[in-house]
């Protein structure tokens, strides 16, 4: 609640200030949570996990790495990311 000080300036009471801070931080956290649900990998493309092995056979390059990362390319330039499902924890 606003009130006037002796000098005539508006003063915000402590409970009102805490209420405003609480509402502001709740809105901020809700915005961050919504943004996290819509997060997509941007850079580096096509992925950024460490790669540990690369091979070439039958006209195709294949690279494998962390977290089940599997990439392939026919020309070694335009890589495609493949999904590798795993039940390993």
N, C-alpha and C. Protein backbone atom coordinates (compact mmCIF):
# COMPACT_ATOMS: atom_id res chain seq x y z
N UNK A 1 0.84 -1.16 0.00
CA UNK A 1 0.00 0.00 0.00
C UNK A 1 0.89 1.24 0.00
N UNK A 2 0.56 2.20 -0.82
CA UNK A 2 1.33 3.44 -0.88
C UNK A 2 0.82 4.42 0.17
N UNK A 3 1.76 5.13 0.77
CA UNK A 3 1.40 6.21 1.67
C UNK A 3 2.38 7.35 1.42
N UNK A 4 2.13 8.48 1.99
CA UNK A 4 3.01 9.62 1.80
C UNK A 4 3.89 9.80 3.01
N UNK A 5 5.16 10.07 2.75
CA UNK A 5 6.08 10.35 3.84
C UNK A 5 5.90 11.81 4.26
N UNK A 6 6.66 12.21 5.27
CA UNK A 6 6.56 13.60 5.74
C UNK A 6 6.94 14.58 4.65
N UNK A 7 7.83 14.15 3.72
CA UNK A 7 8.26 15.06 2.65
C UNK A 7 7.28 15.06 1.48
N UNK A 8 6.24 14.23 1.54
CA UNK A 8 5.25 14.20 0.49
C UNK A 8 5.54 13.17 -0.59
N UNK A 9 6.62 12.39 -0.44
CA UNK A 9 6.95 11.35 -1.41
C UNK A 9 6.15 10.09 -1.13
N UNK A 10 5.86 9.34 -2.21
CA UNK A 10 5.14 8.07 -2.05
C UNK A 10 6.07 7.03 -1.43
N UNK A 11 5.56 6.29 -0.49
CA UNK A 11 6.34 5.25 0.19
C UNK A 11 5.57 3.93 0.05
N UNK A 12 6.28 2.86 -0.29
CA UNK A 12 5.65 1.55 -0.41
C UNK A 12 5.97 0.77 0.86
N UNK A 13 4.95 0.20 1.47
CA UNK A 13 5.17 -0.56 2.70
C UNK A 13 5.89 -1.87 2.39
N UNK A 14 6.57 -2.43 3.38
CA UNK A 14 7.35 -3.66 3.21
C UNK A 14 6.50 -4.83 2.74
N UNK A 15 5.32 -5.10 3.31
CA UNK A 15 4.50 -6.22 2.82
C UNK A 15 4.12 -6.05 1.35
N UNK A 16 3.80 -4.82 0.96
CA UNK A 16 3.43 -4.57 -0.43
C UNK A 16 4.63 -4.80 -1.35
N UNK A 17 5.80 -4.37 -0.93
CA UNK A 17 7.01 -4.57 -1.73
C UNK A 17 7.31 -6.05 -1.90
N UNK A 18 7.21 -6.83 -0.83
CA UNK A 18 7.46 -8.27 -0.90
C UNK A 18 6.44 -8.97 -1.80
N UNK A 19 5.20 -8.51 -1.75
CA UNK A 19 4.16 -9.08 -2.61
C UNK A 19 4.49 -8.82 -4.08
N UNK A 20 4.92 -7.61 -4.39
CA UNK A 20 5.28 -7.27 -5.77
C UNK A 20 6.49 -8.08 -6.23
N UNK A 21 7.48 -8.19 -5.37
CA UNK A 21 8.66 -8.99 -5.73
C UNK A 21 8.29 -10.45 -5.95
N UNK A 22 7.40 -10.97 -5.14
CA UNK A 22 6.95 -12.36 -5.26
C UNK A 22 6.24 -12.59 -6.60
N UNK A 23 5.35 -11.67 -6.96
CA UNK A 23 4.62 -11.79 -8.22
C UNK A 23 5.59 -11.68 -9.39
N UNK A 24 6.51 -10.73 -9.34
CA UNK A 24 7.48 -10.54 -10.41
C UNK A 24 8.35 -11.77 -10.59
N UNK A 25 8.85 -12.33 -9.49
CA UNK A 25 9.70 -13.52 -9.61
C UNK A 25 8.91 -14.73 -10.07
N UNK A 26 7.63 -14.83 -9.70
CA UNK A 26 6.80 -15.94 -10.18
C UNK A 26 6.60 -15.86 -11.69
N UNK A 27 6.34 -14.67 -12.20
CA UNK A 27 6.17 -14.48 -13.64
C UNK A 27 7.48 -14.81 -14.36
N UNK A 28 8.61 -14.36 -13.81
CA UNK A 28 9.91 -14.65 -14.42
C UNK A 28 10.16 -16.15 -14.48
N UNK A 29 9.92 -16.86 -13.38
CA UNK A 29 10.15 -18.31 -13.35
C UNK A 29 9.22 -19.05 -14.30
N UNK A 30 7.99 -18.61 -14.42
CA UNK A 30 7.05 -19.24 -15.35
C UNK A 30 7.52 -19.04 -16.79
N UNK A 31 8.05 -17.87 -17.10
CA UNK A 31 8.57 -17.59 -18.44
C UNK A 31 9.77 -18.47 -18.74
N UNK A 32 10.67 -18.62 -17.80
CA UNK A 32 11.85 -19.47 -17.98
C UNK A 32 11.43 -20.92 -18.18
N UNK A 33 10.47 -21.40 -17.40
CA UNK A 33 10.00 -22.78 -17.52
C UNK A 33 9.37 -23.02 -18.88
N UNK A 34 8.59 -22.07 -19.38
CA UNK A 34 7.98 -22.20 -20.69
C UNK A 34 9.04 -22.22 -21.78
N UNK A 35 10.03 -21.36 -21.67
CA UNK A 35 11.11 -21.33 -22.66
C UNK A 35 11.89 -22.64 -22.66
N UNK A 36 12.10 -23.23 -21.50
CA UNK A 36 12.84 -24.49 -21.42
C UNK A 36 12.09 -25.63 -22.11
N UNK A 37 10.76 -25.59 -22.09
CA UNK A 37 9.97 -26.62 -22.75
C UNK A 37 10.10 -26.52 -24.26
N UNK A 38 10.43 -25.36 -24.78
CA UNK A 38 10.52 -25.15 -26.22
C UNK A 38 11.96 -25.08 -26.69
N UNK A 39 12.93 -25.47 -25.86
CA UNK A 39 14.34 -25.38 -26.18
C UNK A 39 14.70 -26.32 -27.30
N UNK A 40 15.53 -25.85 -28.23
CA UNK A 40 16.04 -26.67 -29.32
C UNK A 40 17.52 -26.40 -29.48
N UNK A 41 18.26 -27.45 -29.85
CA UNK A 41 19.69 -27.32 -30.08
C UNK A 41 19.92 -26.36 -31.24
N UNK A 42 20.78 -25.37 -31.07
CA UNK A 42 21.05 -24.39 -32.11
C UNK A 42 22.46 -24.49 -32.68
N UNK A 43 23.45 -24.61 -31.81
CA UNK A 43 24.82 -24.55 -32.30
C UNK A 43 25.70 -25.34 -31.35
N UNK A 44 26.58 -26.15 -31.80
CA UNK A 44 26.87 -26.44 -33.20
C UNK A 44 25.87 -27.45 -33.77
N UNK A 45 25.61 -27.34 -35.03
CA UNK A 45 24.71 -28.26 -35.71
C UNK A 45 25.51 -29.34 -36.40
N UNK A 46 25.08 -30.56 -36.57
CA UNK A 46 23.77 -31.05 -36.17
C UNK A 46 23.69 -31.41 -34.69
N UNK A 47 24.82 -31.39 -33.96
CA UNK A 47 24.80 -31.71 -32.53
C UNK A 47 26.09 -31.24 -31.91
N UNK A 48 26.22 -31.36 -30.58
CA UNK A 48 27.42 -30.87 -29.92
C UNK A 48 28.04 -31.86 -28.95
N UNK A 49 27.62 -33.12 -28.98
CA UNK A 49 28.20 -34.13 -28.10
C UNK A 49 29.56 -34.54 -28.63
N UNK A 50 30.43 -35.01 -27.73
CA UNK A 50 31.74 -35.49 -28.14
C UNK A 50 31.60 -36.72 -29.02
N UNK A 51 32.42 -36.79 -30.07
CA UNK A 51 32.43 -37.95 -30.97
C UNK A 51 33.71 -38.73 -30.72
N UNK A 52 33.61 -40.07 -30.74
CA UNK A 52 34.76 -40.90 -30.39
C UNK A 52 35.22 -41.83 -31.50
N UNK A 53 34.38 -42.10 -32.47
CA UNK A 53 34.80 -43.03 -33.53
C UNK A 53 34.18 -42.59 -34.85
N UNK A 54 34.93 -42.81 -35.91
CA UNK A 54 34.48 -42.48 -37.26
C UNK A 54 34.92 -43.59 -38.19
N UNK A 55 34.03 -44.01 -39.05
CA UNK A 55 34.38 -45.04 -40.02
C UNK A 55 33.77 -44.70 -41.37
N UNK A 56 34.31 -45.34 -42.41
CA UNK A 56 33.77 -45.17 -43.76
C UNK A 56 33.63 -46.55 -44.37
N UNK A 57 32.43 -46.88 -44.82
CA UNK A 57 32.20 -48.18 -45.45
C UNK A 57 30.96 -48.08 -46.34
N UNK A 58 30.98 -48.80 -47.44
CA UNK A 58 29.84 -48.85 -48.36
C UNK A 58 29.37 -47.46 -48.78
N UNK A 59 30.31 -46.54 -48.98
CA UNK A 59 29.97 -45.21 -49.46
C UNK A 59 29.34 -44.29 -48.43
N UNK A 60 29.52 -44.59 -47.13
CA UNK A 60 28.90 -43.77 -46.08
C UNK A 60 29.85 -43.61 -44.90
N UNK A 61 29.95 -42.37 -44.40
CA UNK A 61 30.67 -42.08 -43.16
C UNK A 61 29.70 -42.26 -42.01
N UNK A 62 30.19 -42.82 -40.90
CA UNK A 62 29.38 -42.96 -39.69
C UNK A 62 30.25 -42.55 -38.51
N UNK A 63 29.71 -41.67 -37.66
CA UNK A 63 30.40 -41.22 -36.45
C UNK A 63 29.53 -41.54 -35.25
N UNK A 64 30.16 -41.95 -34.15
CA UNK A 64 29.43 -42.25 -32.91
C UNK A 64 30.08 -41.53 -31.74
N UNK A 65 29.26 -41.22 -30.72
CA UNK A 65 29.81 -40.51 -29.57
C UNK A 65 28.94 -40.59 -28.35
N UNK A 66 29.11 -39.60 -27.47
CA UNK A 66 28.40 -39.53 -26.19
C UNK A 66 26.90 -39.56 -26.34
N UNK A 67 26.23 -40.13 -25.32
CA UNK A 67 24.78 -40.11 -25.19
C UNK A 67 24.06 -40.74 -26.38
N UNK A 68 24.67 -41.75 -26.97
CA UNK A 68 24.05 -42.46 -28.09
C UNK A 68 24.07 -41.68 -29.40
N UNK A 69 24.95 -40.71 -29.51
CA UNK A 69 25.04 -39.91 -30.72
C UNK A 69 25.49 -40.76 -31.90
N UNK A 70 24.73 -40.73 -32.97
CA UNK A 70 25.09 -41.41 -34.22
C UNK A 70 24.82 -40.44 -35.36
N UNK A 71 25.86 -40.16 -36.15
CA UNK A 71 25.74 -39.28 -37.31
C UNK A 71 26.19 -40.05 -38.54
N UNK A 72 25.60 -39.71 -39.70
CA UNK A 72 26.06 -40.34 -40.94
C UNK A 72 26.06 -39.30 -42.05
N UNK A 73 26.91 -39.54 -43.05
CA UNK A 73 26.99 -38.65 -44.21
C UNK A 73 27.53 -39.43 -45.40
N UNK A 74 26.98 -39.16 -46.56
CA UNK A 74 27.48 -39.80 -47.78
C UNK A 74 28.73 -39.09 -48.27
N UNK A 75 28.80 -37.77 -48.05
CA UNK A 75 29.92 -36.98 -48.58
C UNK A 75 30.89 -36.48 -47.52
N UNK A 76 30.62 -36.73 -46.23
CA UNK A 76 31.49 -36.26 -45.16
C UNK A 76 31.27 -34.79 -44.82
N UNK A 77 30.31 -34.14 -45.48
CA UNK A 77 30.04 -32.72 -45.25
C UNK A 77 28.64 -32.52 -44.67
N UNK A 78 27.65 -33.09 -45.30
CA UNK A 78 26.25 -32.94 -44.88
C UNK A 78 25.86 -34.11 -43.98
N UNK A 79 25.96 -33.89 -42.66
CA UNK A 79 25.73 -34.94 -41.67
C UNK A 79 24.27 -34.98 -41.25
N UNK A 80 23.78 -36.20 -41.00
CA UNK A 80 22.41 -36.43 -40.53
C UNK A 80 22.49 -37.10 -39.17
N UNK A 81 21.73 -36.57 -38.20
CA UNK A 81 21.72 -37.15 -36.86
C UNK A 81 20.68 -38.26 -36.81
N UNK A 82 21.04 -39.39 -36.20
CA UNK A 82 20.13 -40.53 -36.07
C UNK A 82 19.83 -40.76 -34.59
N UNK A 83 18.62 -41.22 -34.32
CA UNK A 83 18.20 -41.48 -32.95
C UNK A 83 18.58 -42.93 -32.60
N UNK A 84 19.19 -43.09 -31.43
CA UNK A 84 19.56 -44.41 -30.95
C UNK A 84 18.90 -44.59 -29.60
N UNK A 85 17.86 -45.39 -29.54
CA UNK A 85 17.14 -45.64 -28.29
C UNK A 85 17.92 -46.64 -27.46
N UNK A 86 18.03 -46.37 -26.16
CA UNK A 86 18.77 -47.25 -25.28
C UNK A 86 18.10 -47.29 -23.91
N UNK A 87 18.14 -48.45 -23.28
CA UNK A 87 17.60 -48.59 -21.92
C UNK A 87 18.70 -48.57 -20.88
N UNK A 88 19.92 -48.25 -21.28
CA UNK A 88 21.06 -48.23 -20.37
C UNK A 88 20.97 -46.97 -19.51
N UNK A 89 21.17 -47.13 -18.20
CA UNK A 89 21.13 -45.96 -17.31
C UNK A 89 22.48 -45.73 -16.70
